[in-house]
All heavy atoms as atom14 arrays in JSON, in Angstrom:
{
  "sequence": "IVYKEQKIELKECSVCGFPTTEEKCQYCRLEERVENSFKIGFDNSENG",
  "atom14_mask": [
    [1, 1, 1, 1, 1, 1, 1, 1, 0, 0, 0, 0, 0, 0],
    [1, 1, 1, 1, 1, 1, 1, 0, 0, 0, 0, 0, 0, 0],
    [1, 1, 1, 1, 1, 1, 1, 1, 1, 1, 1, 1, 0, 0],
    [1, 1, 1, 1, 1, 1, 1, 1, 1, 0, 0, 0, 0, 0],
    [1, 1, 1, 1, 1, 1, 1, 1, 1, 0, 0, 0, 0, 0],
    [1, 1, 1, 1, 1, 1, 1, 1, 1, 0, 0, 0, 0, 0],
    [1, 1, 1, 1, 1, 1, 1, 1, 1, 0, 0, 0, 0, 0],
    [1, 1, 1, 1, 1, 1, 1, 1, 0, 0, 0, 0, 0, 0],
    [1, 1, 1, 1, 1, 1, 1, 1, 1, 0, 0, 0, 0, 0],
    [1, 1, 1, 1, 1, 1, 1, 1, 0, 0, 0, 0, 0, 0],
    [1, 1, 1, 1, 1, 1, 1, 1, 1, 0, 0, 0, 0, 0],
    [1, 1, 1, 1, 1, 1, 1, 1, 1, 0, 0, 0, 0, 0],
    [1, 1, 1, 1, 1, 1, 0, 0, 0, 0, 0, 0, 0, 0],
    [1, 1, 1, 1, 1, 1, 0, 0, 0, 0, 0, 0, 0, 0],
    [1, 1, 1, 1, 1, 1, 1, 0, 0, 0, 0, 0, 0, 0],
    [1, 1, 1, 1, 1, 1, 0, 0, 0, 0, 0, 0, 0, 0],
    [1, 1, 1, 1, 0, 0, 0, 0, 0, 0, 0, 0, 0, 0],
    [1, 1, 1, 1, 1, 1, 1, 1, 1, 1, 1, 0, 0, 0],
    [1, 1, 1, 1, 1, 1, 1, 0, 0, 0, 0, 0, 0, 0],
    [1, 1, 1, 1, 1, 1, 1, 0, 0, 0, 0, 0, 0, 0],
    [1, 1, 1, 1, 1, 1, 1, 0, 0, 0, 0, 0, 0, 0],
    [1, 1, 1, 1, 1, 1, 1, 1, 1, 0, 0, 0, 0, 0],
    [1, 1, 1, 1, 1, 1, 1, 1, 1, 0, 0, 0, 0, 0],
    [1, 1, 1, 1, 1, 1, 1, 1, 1, 0, 0, 0, 0, 0],
    [1, 1, 1, 1, 1, 1, 0, 0, 0, 0, 0, 0, 0, 0],
    [1, 1, 1, 1, 1, 1, 1, 1, 1, 0, 0, 0, 0, 0],
    [1, 1, 1, 1, 1, 1, 1, 1, 1, 1, 1, 1, 0, 0],
    [1, 1, 1, 1, 1, 1, 0, 0, 0, 0, 0, 0, 0, 0],
    [1, 1, 1, 1, 1, 1, 1, 1, 1, 1, 1, 0, 0, 0],
    [1, 1, 1, 1, 1, 1, 1, 1, 0, 0, 0, 0, 0, 0],
    [1, 1, 1, 1, 1, 1, 1, 1, 1, 0, 0, 0, 0, 0],
    [1, 1, 1, 1, 1, 1, 1, 1, 1, 0, 0, 0, 0, 0],
    [1, 1, 1, 1, 1, 1, 1, 1, 1, 1, 1, 0, 0, 0],
    [1, 1, 1, 1, 1, 1, 1, 0, 0, 0, 0, 0, 0, 0],
    [1, 1, 1, 1, 1, 1, 1, 1, 1, 0, 0, 0, 0, 0],
    [1, 1, 1, 1, 1, 1, 1, 1, 0, 0, 0, 0, 0, 0],
    [1, 1, 1, 1, 1, 1, 0, 0, 0, 0, 0, 0, 0, 0],
    [1, 1, 1, 1, 1, 1, 1, 1, 1, 1, 1, 0, 0, 0],
    [1, 1, 1, 1, 1, 1, 1, 1, 1, 0, 0, 0, 0, 0],
    [1, 1, 1, 1, 1, 1, 1, 1, 0, 0, 0, 0, 0, 0],
    [1, 1, 1, 1, 0, 0, 0, 0, 0, 0, 0, 0, 0, 0],
    [1, 1, 1, 1, 1, 1, 1, 1, 1, 1, 1, 0, 0, 0],
    [1, 1, 1, 1, 1, 1, 1, 1, 0, 0, 0, 0, 0, 0],
    [1, 1, 1, 1, 1, 1, 1, 1, 0, 0, 0, 0, 0, 0],
    [1, 1, 1, 1, 1, 1, 0, 0, 0, 0, 0, 0, 0, 0],
    [1, 1, 1, 1, 1, 1, 1, 1, 1, 0, 0, 0, 0, 0],
    [1, 1, 1, 1, 1, 1, 1, 1, 0, 0, 0, 0, 0, 0],
    [1, 1, 1, 1, 0, 0, 0, 0, 0, 0, 0, 0, 0, 0]
  ],
  "atom14_positions": [
    [[-13.12, -14.2, -25.98], [-13.11, -13.04, -26.88], [-12.66, -11.78, -26.14], [-11.86, -10.99, -26.66], [-14.52, -12.81, -27.48], [-14.9, -14.02, -28.36], [-14.57, -11.53, -28.3], [-16.32, -13.98, -28.88], [0.0, 0.0, 0.0], [0.0, 0.0, 0.0], [0.0, 0.0, 0.0], [0.0, 0.0, 0.0], [0.0, 0.0, 0.0], [0.0, 0.0, 0.0]],
    [[-13.18, -11.58, -24.93], [-12.87, -10.34, -24.21], [-11.57, -10.44, -23.41], [-10.97, -9.43, -23.06], [-14.02, -9.94, -23.26], [-15.29, -9.68, -24.03], [-14.25, -10.99, -22.18], [0.0, 0.0, 0.0], [0.0, 0.0, 0.0], [0.0, 0.0, 0.0], [0.0, 0.0, 0.0], [0.0, 0.0, 0.0], [0.0, 0.0, 0.0], [0.0, 0.0, 0.0]],
    [[-11.14, -11.69, -23.15], [-9.94, -11.86, -22.33], [-8.68, -11.56, -23.14], [-8.49, -12.06, -24.24], [-9.85, -13.27, -21.77], [-8.57, -13.55, -21.0], [-8.37, -13.02, -19.74], [-7.55, -14.31, -21.58], [-7.19, -13.26, -19.03], [-6.37, -14.55, -20.89], [-6.2, -14.03, -19.61], [-5.03, -14.26, -18.94], [0.0, 0.0, 0.0], [0.0, 0.0, 0.0]],
    [[-7.85, -10.75, -22.57], [-6.54, -10.48, -23.14], [-5.53, -10.6, -22.01], [-5.67, -9.97, -20.97], [-6.46, -9.09, -23.75], [-7.33, -8.9, -24.99], [-7.19, -7.49, -25.55], [-8.08, -7.3, -26.78], [-7.96, -5.92, -27.32], [0.0, 0.0, 0.0], [0.0, 0.0, 0.0], [0.0, 0.0, 0.0], [0.0, 0.0, 0.0], [0.0, 0.0, 0.0]],
    [[-4.55, -11.43, -22.24], [-3.54, -11.62, -21.2], [-2.84, -10.3, -20.93], [-2.27, -9.68, -21.83], [-2.51, -12.67, -21.62], [-1.53, -13.01, -20.51], [-0.6, -14.13, -20.9], [-0.76, -14.68, -22.02], [0.28, -14.46, -20.1], [0.0, 0.0, 0.0], [0.0, 0.0, 0.0], [0.0, 0.0, 0.0], [0.0, 0.0, 0.0], [0.0, 0.0, 0.0]],
    [[-2.91, -9.87, -19.69], [-2.31, -8.59, -19.33], [-0.85, -8.79, -18.93], [-0.54, -9.54, -18.02], [-3.08, -7.96, -18.16], [-4.5, -7.58, -18.53], [-5.2, -6.89, -17.37], [-4.88, -7.1, -16.21], [-6.17, -6.06, -17.68], [0.0, 0.0, 0.0], [0.0, 0.0, 0.0], [0.0, 0.0, 0.0], [0.0, 0.0, 0.0], [0.0, 0.0, 0.0]],
    [[-0.01, -8.14, -19.65], [1.41, -8.24, -19.35], [1.79, -7.09, -18.41], [2.22, -6.02, -18.84], [2.23, -8.19, -20.64], [1.97, -9.38, -21.54], [2.83, -9.35, -22.79], [2.56, -10.58, -23.66], [3.37, -10.57, -24.9], [0.0, 0.0, 0.0], [0.0, 0.0, 0.0], [0.0, 0.0, 0.0], [0.0, 0.0, 0.0], [0.0, 0.0, 0.0]],
    [[1.53, -7.34, -17.14], [1.79, -6.32, -16.13], [3.18, -6.54, -15.57], [3.56, -7.65, -15.19], [0.75, -6.41, -14.99], [-0.65, -6.17, -15.55], [1.06, -5.4, -13.9], [-1.76, -6.37, -14.54], [0.0, 0.0, 0.0], [0.0, 0.0, 0.0], [0.0, 0.0, 0.0], [0.0, 0.0, 0.0], [0.0, 0.0, 0.0], [0.0, 0.0, 0.0]],
    [[3.93, -5.48, -15.53], [5.28, -5.57, -14.98], [5.19, -5.54, -13.45], [4.81, -4.52, -12.86], [6.14, -4.4, -15.47], [7.58, -4.47, -14.97], [8.42, -3.29, -15.41], [7.93, -2.48, -16.23], [9.57, -3.17, -14.93], [0.0, 0.0, 0.0], [0.0, 0.0, 0.0], [0.0, 0.0, 0.0], [0.0, 0.0, 0.0], [0.0, 0.0, 0.0]],
    [[5.51, -6.65, -12.83], [5.47, -6.74, -11.38], [6.83, -6.41, -10.79], [7.86, -6.87, -11.27], [5.03, -8.14, -10.95], [3.58, -8.53, -11.25], [3.34, -9.98, -10.9], [2.61, -7.63, -10.5], [0.0, 0.0, 0.0], [0.0, 0.0, 0.0], [0.0, 0.0, 0.0], [0.0, 0.0, 0.0], [0.0, 0.0, 0.0], [0.0, 0.0, 0.0]],
    [[6.79, -5.61, -9.74], [8.0, -5.27, -9.0], [7.91, -5.91, -7.62], [6.88, -6.47, -7.26], [8.13, -3.75, -8.86], [8.0, -2.98, -10.16], [7.96, -1.49, -9.88], [7.74, -0.7, -11.16], [7.63, 0.76, -10.9], [0.0, 0.0, 0.0], [0.0, 0.0, 0.0], [0.0, 0.0, 0.0], [0.0, 0.0, 0.0], [0.0, 0.0, 0.0]],
    [[8.97, -5.84, -6.88], [8.92, -6.29, -5.5], [8.78, -5.07, -4.6], [9.52, -4.1, -4.74], [10.16, -7.1, -5.14], [10.21, -8.44, -5.85], [11.26, -9.37, -5.26], [12.04, -8.92, -4.39], [11.29, -10.54, -5.67], [0.0, 0.0, 0.0], [0.0, 0.0, 0.0], [0.0, 0.0, 0.0], [0.0, 0.0, 0.0], [0.0, 0.0, 0.0]],
    [[7.82, -5.13, -3.7], [7.57, -4.02, -2.78], [8.85, -3.68, -2.03], [9.55, -4.57, -1.53], [6.46, -4.4, -1.81], [6.17, -3.21, -0.49], [0.0, 0.0, 0.0], [0.0, 0.0, 0.0], [0.0, 0.0, 0.0], [0.0, 0.0, 0.0], [0.0, 0.0, 0.0], [0.0, 0.0, 0.0], [0.0, 0.0, 0.0], [0.0, 0.0, 0.0]],
    [[9.16, -2.41, -1.94], [10.39, -1.97, -1.29], [10.38, -2.24, 0.21], [11.42, -2.2, 0.86], [10.61, -0.47, -1.53], [9.51, 0.29, -1.02], [0.0, 0.0, 0.0], [0.0, 0.0, 0.0], [0.0, 0.0, 0.0], [0.0, 0.0, 0.0], [0.0, 0.0, 0.0], [0.0, 0.0, 0.0], [0.0, 0.0, 0.0], [0.0, 0.0, 0.0]],
    [[9.19, -2.53, 0.77], [9.08, -2.79, 2.21], [9.04, -4.28, 2.51], [9.84, -4.81, 3.27], [7.84, -2.09, 2.8], [7.7, -2.41, 4.29], [7.9, -0.6, 2.58], [0.0, 0.0, 0.0], [0.0, 0.0, 0.0], [0.0, 0.0, 0.0], [0.0, 0.0, 0.0], [0.0, 0.0, 0.0], [0.0, 0.0, 0.0], [0.0, 0.0, 0.0]],
    [[8.07, -4.99, 1.9], [7.85, -6.4, 2.25], [8.41, -7.39, 1.23], [8.56, -8.58, 1.52], [6.37, -6.68, 2.45], [5.39, -6.57, 0.92], [0.0, 0.0, 0.0], [0.0, 0.0, 0.0], [0.0, 0.0, 0.0], [0.0, 0.0, 0.0], [0.0, 0.0, 0.0], [0.0, 0.0, 0.0], [0.0, 0.0, 0.0], [0.0, 0.0, 0.0]],
    [[8.69, -6.91, 0.02], [9.25, -7.79, -1.0], [8.23, -8.57, -1.8], [8.6, -9.36, -2.68], [0.0, 0.0, 0.0], [0.0, 0.0, 0.0], [0.0, 0.0, 0.0], [0.0, 0.0, 0.0], [0.0, 0.0, 0.0], [0.0, 0.0, 0.0], [0.0, 0.0, 0.0], [0.0, 0.0, 0.0], [0.0, 0.0, 0.0], [0.0, 0.0, 0.0]],
    [[6.94, -8.39, -1.53], [5.92, -9.12, -2.27], [5.52, -8.35, -3.53], [5.74, -7.14, -3.62], [4.71, -9.42, -1.37], [4.9, -10.65, -0.55], [5.71, -10.64, 0.57], [4.3, -11.85, -0.92], [5.94, -11.8, 1.3], [4.5, -13.01, -0.2], [5.32, -12.99, 0.92], [0.0, 0.0, 0.0], [0.0, 0.0, 0.0], [0.0, 0.0, 0.0]],
    [[4.95, -9.04, -4.52], [4.7, -8.42, -5.83], [3.75, -7.23, -5.76], [2.77, -7.23, -5.03], [4.07, -9.56, -6.64], [4.47, -10.81, -5.95], [4.57, -10.47, -4.5], [0.0, 0.0, 0.0], [0.0, 0.0, 0.0], [0.0, 0.0, 0.0], [0.0, 0.0, 0.0], [0.0, 0.0, 0.0], [0.0, 0.0, 0.0], [0.0, 0.0, 0.0]],
    [[4.05, -6.23, -6.59], [3.22, -5.04, -6.7], [3.54, -4.35, -8.02], [4.58, -4.63, -8.63], [3.47, -4.06, -5.53], [2.63, -2.92, -5.67], [4.92, -3.62, -5.47], [0.0, 0.0, 0.0], [0.0, 0.0, 0.0], [0.0, 0.0, 0.0], [0.0, 0.0, 0.0], [0.0, 0.0, 0.0], [0.0, 0.0, 0.0], [0.0, 0.0, 0.0]],
    [[2.66, -3.48, -8.46], [2.94, -2.71, -9.67], [3.57, -1.37, -9.33], [4.0, -0.64, -10.21], [1.64, -2.46, -10.46], [0.68, -1.81, -9.61], [1.06, -3.78, -10.96], [0.0, 0.0, 0.0], [0.0, 0.0, 0.0], [0.0, 0.0, 0.0], [0.0, 0.0, 0.0], [0.0, 0.0, 0.0], [0.0, 0.0, 0.0], [0.0, 0.0, 0.0]],
    [[3.6, -1.05, -8.04], [4.17, 0.21, -7.58], [5.47, -0.04, -6.8], [5.85, -1.19, -6.57], [3.17, 0.94, -6.67], [1.79, 1.13, -7.27], [1.78, 2.11, -8.42], [2.7, 2.96, -8.47], [0.87, 2.03, -9.26], [0.0, 0.0, 0.0], [0.0, 0.0, 0.0], [0.0, 0.0, 0.0], [0.0, 0.0, 0.0], [0.0, 0.0, 0.0]],
    [[6.1, 1.03, -6.4], [7.32, 0.86, -5.59], [6.99, 0.24, -4.24], [7.74, -0.58, -3.71], [7.99, 2.23, -5.37], [9.24, 2.13, -4.51], [9.84, 3.49, -4.18], [9.39, 4.51, -4.76], [10.75, 3.54, -3.33], [0.0, 0.0, 0.0], [0.0, 0.0, 0.0], [0.0, 0.0, 0.0], [0.0, 0.0, 0.0], [0.0, 0.0, 0.0]],
    [[5.84, 0.6, -3.71], [5.4, 0.09, -2.42], [3.98, -0.46, -2.58], [3.13, 0.19, -3.18], [5.42, 1.22, -1.38], [5.25, 0.78, 0.06], [5.31, 2.0, 0.99], [6.66, 2.69, 0.92], [6.74, 3.83, 1.86], [0.0, 0.0, 0.0], [0.0, 0.0, 0.0], [0.0, 0.0, 0.0], [0.0, 0.0, 0.0], [0.0, 0.0, 0.0]],
    [[3.73, -1.66, -2.05], [2.42, -2.28, -2.26], [1.33, -1.57, -1.46], [1.6, -0.84, -0.5], [2.46, -3.77, -1.91], [2.53, -4.15, -0.14], [0.0, 0.0, 0.0], [0.0, 0.0, 0.0], [0.0, 0.0, 0.0], [0.0, 0.0, 0.0], [0.0, 0.0, 0.0], [0.0, 0.0, 0.0], [0.0, 0.0, 0.0], [0.0, 0.0, 0.0]],
    [[0.09, -1.82, -1.86], [-1.06, -1.18, -1.23], [-1.13, -1.49, 0.25], [-1.47, -0.62, 1.07], [-2.33, -1.64, -1.95], [-3.56, -0.8, -1.68], [-4.74, -1.25, -2.52], [-4.82, -2.41, -2.94], [-5.67, -0.34, -2.79], [0.0, 0.0, 0.0], [0.0, 0.0, 0.0], [0.0, 0.0, 0.0], [0.0, 0.0, 0.0], [0.0, 0.0, 0.0]],
    [[-0.83, -2.73, 0.62], [-0.9, -3.12, 2.02], [0.14, -2.38, 2.85], [-0.17, -1.87, 3.94], [-0.7, -4.64, 2.17], [-0.61, -5.07, 3.61], [-1.75, -5.27, 4.38], [0.63, -5.22, 4.24], [-1.66, -5.64, 5.71], [0.72, -5.59, 5.57], [-0.42, -5.8, 6.3], [-0.33, -6.15, 7.62], [0.0, 0.0, 0.0], [0.0, 0.0, 0.0]],
    [[1.37, -2.31, 2.37], [2.42, -1.63, 3.14], [2.15, -0.13, 3.25], [2.49, 0.49, 4.26], [3.79, -1.9, 2.5], [4.39, -3.58, 2.8], [0.0, 0.0, 0.0], [0.0, 0.0, 0.0], [0.0, 0.0, 0.0], [0.0, 0.0, 0.0], [0.0, 0.0, 0.0], [0.0, 0.0, 0.0], [0.0, 0.0, 0.0], [0.0, 0.0, 0.0]],
    [[1.53, 0.44, 2.21], [1.15, 1.85, 2.32], [0.09, 2.04, 3.39], [0.09, 3.05, 4.11], [0.64, 2.37, 0.97], [1.68, 2.42, -0.12], [1.32, 3.39, -1.25], [0.02, 3.09, -1.83], [-0.16, 2.28, -2.86], [0.88, 1.66, -3.42], [-1.36, 2.08, -3.37], [0.0, 0.0, 0.0], [0.0, 0.0, 0.0], [0.0, 0.0, 0.0]],
    [[-0.81, 1.06, 3.51], [-1.83, 1.12, 4.55], [-1.19, 1.05, 5.93], [-1.52, 1.84, 6.83], [-2.82, -0.02, 4.36], [-3.97, -0.11, 5.37], [-4.87, 1.13, 5.28], [-4.79, -1.38, 5.14], [0.0, 0.0, 0.0], [0.0, 0.0, 0.0], [0.0, 0.0, 0.0], [0.0, 0.0, 0.0], [0.0, 0.0, 0.0], [0.0, 0.0, 0.0]],
    [[-0.28, 0.1, 6.12], [0.43, -0.01, 7.4], [1.14, 1.31, 7.73], [1.14, 1.76, 8.88], [1.47, -1.14, 7.33], [0.96, -2.48, 7.79], [2.1, -3.45, 8.09], [3.28, -3.03, 8.1], [1.81, -4.63, 8.32], [0.0, 0.0, 0.0], [0.0, 0.0, 0.0], [0.0, 0.0, 0.0], [0.0, 0.0, 0.0], [0.0, 0.0, 0.0]],
    [[1.75, 1.89, 6.73], [2.51, 3.13, 6.92], [1.59, 4.28, 7.36], [1.95, 5.06, 8.25], [3.22, 3.5, 5.62], [4.15, 4.68, 5.73], [4.87, 4.93, 4.42], [4.25, 5.54, 3.51], [6.04, 4.51, 4.3], [0.0, 0.0, 0.0], [0.0, 0.0, 0.0], [0.0, 0.0, 0.0], [0.0, 0.0, 0.0], [0.0, 0.0, 0.0]],
    [[0.41, 4.36, 6.76], [-0.52, 5.43, 7.14], [-0.98, 5.28, 8.58], [-1.09, 6.27, 9.31], [-1.73, 5.42, 6.2], [-1.43, 5.91, 4.81], [-2.69, 6.04, 3.98], [-3.57, 7.09, 4.49], [-4.75, 7.39, 3.96], [-5.19, 6.71, 2.89], [-5.5, 8.34, 4.47], [0.0, 0.0, 0.0], [0.0, 0.0, 0.0], [0.0, 0.0, 0.0]],
    [[-1.25, 4.05, 9.0], [-1.66, 3.83, 10.39], [-0.5, 4.15, 11.33], [-0.69, 4.79, 12.37], [-2.13, 2.37, 10.59], [-2.41, 2.09, 12.06], [-3.38, 2.1, 9.76], [0.0, 0.0, 0.0], [0.0, 0.0, 0.0], [0.0, 0.0, 0.0], [0.0, 0.0, 0.0], [0.0, 0.0, 0.0], [0.0, 0.0, 0.0], [0.0, 0.0, 0.0]],
    [[0.7, 3.73, 10.97], [1.87, 4.0, 11.8], [2.12, 5.49, 11.94], [2.4, 6.0, 13.03], [3.1, 3.32, 11.19], [4.37, 3.42, 12.03], [4.24, 2.71, 13.37], [3.53, 1.69, 13.44], [4.84, 3.2, 14.35], [0.0, 0.0, 0.0], [0.0, 0.0, 0.0], [0.0, 0.0, 0.0], [0.0, 0.0, 0.0], [0.0, 0.0, 0.0]],
    [[1.98, 6.21, 10.84], [2.18, 7.66, 10.88], [1.16, 8.35, 11.76], [1.47, 9.35, 12.44], [2.13, 8.24, 9.47], [3.36, 7.91, 8.65], [4.41, 7.55, 9.22], [3.26, 8.0, 7.34], [0.0, 0.0, 0.0], [0.0, 0.0, 0.0], [0.0, 0.0, 0.0], [0.0, 0.0, 0.0], [0.0, 0.0, 0.0], [0.0, 0.0, 0.0]],
    [[-0.07, 7.82, 11.77], [-1.1, 8.44, 12.61], [-0.75, 8.3, 14.09], [-1.09, 9.16, 14.9], [-2.47, 7.82, 12.31], [-2.54, 6.48, 12.79], [0.0, 0.0, 0.0], [0.0, 0.0, 0.0], [0.0, 0.0, 0.0], [0.0, 0.0, 0.0], [0.0, 0.0, 0.0], [0.0, 0.0, 0.0], [0.0, 0.0, 0.0], [0.0, 0.0, 0.0]],
    [[-0.08, 7.21, 14.44], [0.37, 7.03, 15.82], [1.53, 7.98, 16.14], [1.61, 8.54, 17.22], [0.78, 5.58, 16.07], [-0.36, 4.68, 16.48], [-1.17, 4.1, 15.54], [-0.64, 4.46, 17.82], [-2.23, 3.29, 15.9], [-1.7, 3.65, 18.2], [-2.5, 3.06, 17.25], [0.0, 0.0, 0.0], [0.0, 0.0, 0.0], [0.0, 0.0, 0.0]],
    [[2.43, 8.11, 15.19], [3.61, 8.94, 15.43], [3.26, 10.4, 15.69], [3.91, 11.08, 16.46], [4.56, 8.84, 14.24], [5.29, 7.5, 14.15], [6.22, 7.48, 12.95], [6.96, 6.15, 12.9], [7.85, 6.07, 11.7], [0.0, 0.0, 0.0], [0.0, 0.0, 0.0], [0.0, 0.0, 0.0], [0.0, 0.0, 0.0], [0.0, 0.0, 0.0]],
    [[2.21, 10.87, 15.0], [1.84, 12.28, 15.18], [0.78, 12.44, 16.26], [0.26, 13.54, 16.47], [1.35, 12.89, 13.86], [0.06, 12.21, 13.39], [2.42, 12.82, 12.8], [-0.55, 12.87, 12.15], [0.0, 0.0, 0.0], [0.0, 0.0, 0.0], [0.0, 0.0, 0.0], [0.0, 0.0, 0.0], [0.0, 0.0, 0.0], [0.0, 0.0, 0.0]],
    [[0.44, 11.33, 16.93], [-0.52, 11.42, 18.03], [-1.91, 11.76, 17.57], [-2.65, 12.47, 18.26], [0.0, 0.0, 0.0], [0.0, 0.0, 0.0], [0.0, 0.0, 0.0], [0.0, 0.0, 0.0], [0.0, 0.0, 0.0], [0.0, 0.0, 0.0], [0.0, 0.0, 0.0], [0.0, 0.0, 0.0], [0.0, 0.0, 0.0], [0.0, 0.0, 0.0]],
    [[-2.28, 11.27, 16.39], [-3.59, 11.59, 15.83], [-4.7, 11.11, 16.74], [-4.7, 9.96, 17.18], [-3.71, 10.93, 14.45], [-4.94, 11.33, 13.7], [-5.14, 12.63, 13.34], [-5.88, 10.37, 13.34], [-6.26, 12.99, 12.63], [-7.0, 10.72, 12.64], [-7.19, 12.04, 12.28], [0.0, 0.0, 0.0], [0.0, 0.0, 0.0], [0.0, 0.0, 0.0]],
    [[-5.66, 11.95, 17.04], [-6.76, 11.62, 17.94], [-8.08, 11.8, 17.21], [-8.36, 12.86, 16.67], [-6.71, 12.55, 19.16], [-7.71, 12.11, 20.23], [-8.8, 11.67, 19.87], [-7.39, 12.25, 21.42], [0.0, 0.0, 0.0], [0.0, 0.0, 0.0], [0.0, 0.0, 0.0], [0.0, 0.0, 0.0], [0.0, 0.0, 0.0], [0.0, 0.0, 0.0]],
    [[-8.88, 10.74, 17.22], [-10.14, 10.77, 16.46], [-11.36, 11.0, 17.33], [-12.48, 10.82, 16.89], [-10.29, 9.45, 15.71], [-11.47, 9.47, 14.76], [-11.7, 10.48, 14.11], [-12.22, 8.39, 14.69], [0.0, 0.0, 0.0], [0.0, 0.0, 0.0], [0.0, 0.0, 0.0], [0.0, 0.0, 0.0], [0.0, 0.0, 0.0], [0.0, 0.0, 0.0]],
    [[-11.18, 11.38, 18.56], [-12.34, 11.55, 19.42], [-13.29, 12.61, 18.87], [-14.48, 12.61, 19.15], [-11.9, 11.93, 20.84], [-11.12, 13.11, 20.81], [0.0, 0.0, 0.0], [0.0, 0.0, 0.0], [0.0, 0.0, 0.0], [0.0, 0.0, 0.0], [0.0, 0.0, 0.0], [0.0, 0.0, 0.0], [0.0, 0.0, 0.0], [0.0, 0.0, 0.0]],
    [[-12.76, 13.54, 18.04], [-13.61, 14.57, 17.47], [-13.71, 14.46, 15.95], [-14.73, 14.77, 15.37], [-13.06, 15.96, 17.82], [-13.12, 16.24, 19.32], [-12.59, 17.63, 19.65], [-12.09, 18.29, 18.72], [-12.68, 18.04, 20.81], [0.0, 0.0, 0.0], [0.0, 0.0, 0.0], [0.0, 0.0, 0.0], [0.0, 0.0, 0.0], [0.0, 0.0, 0.0]],
    [[-12.61, 14.01, 15.27], [-12.62, 14.08, 13.81], [-12.37, 12.76, 13.1], [-12.01, 12.74, 11.94], [-11.59, 15.12, 13.32], [-10.18, 14.76, 13.76], [-9.96, 13.68, 14.3], [-9.23, 15.65, 13.51], [0.0, 0.0, 0.0], [0.0, 0.0, 0.0], [0.0, 0.0, 0.0], [0.0, 0.0, 0.0], [0.0, 0.0, 0.0], [0.0, 0.0, 0.0]],
    [[-12.55, 11.62, 13.76], [-12.53, 10.36, 13.02], [-11.23, 9.6, 13.03], [-10.95, 8.85, 12.1], [0.0, 0.0, 0.0], [0.0, 0.0, 0.0], [0.0, 0.0, 0.0], [0.0, 0.0, 0.0], [0.0, 0.0, 0.0], [0.0, 0.0, 0.0], [0.0, 0.0, 0.0], [0.0, 0.0, 0.0], [0.0, 0.0, 0.0], [0.0, 0.0, 0.0]]
  ]
}
């Protein structure tokens, strides 16, 4: 009764090519955030 087949339009992630509803999948966005933190020399010894 409560189930309704969701017709979600799946795209291919612009980075890894795996299915996502966005241009870039959640996992690749996570990788990107970590990579960016390294690029800017982010240091968490005081702020996390």
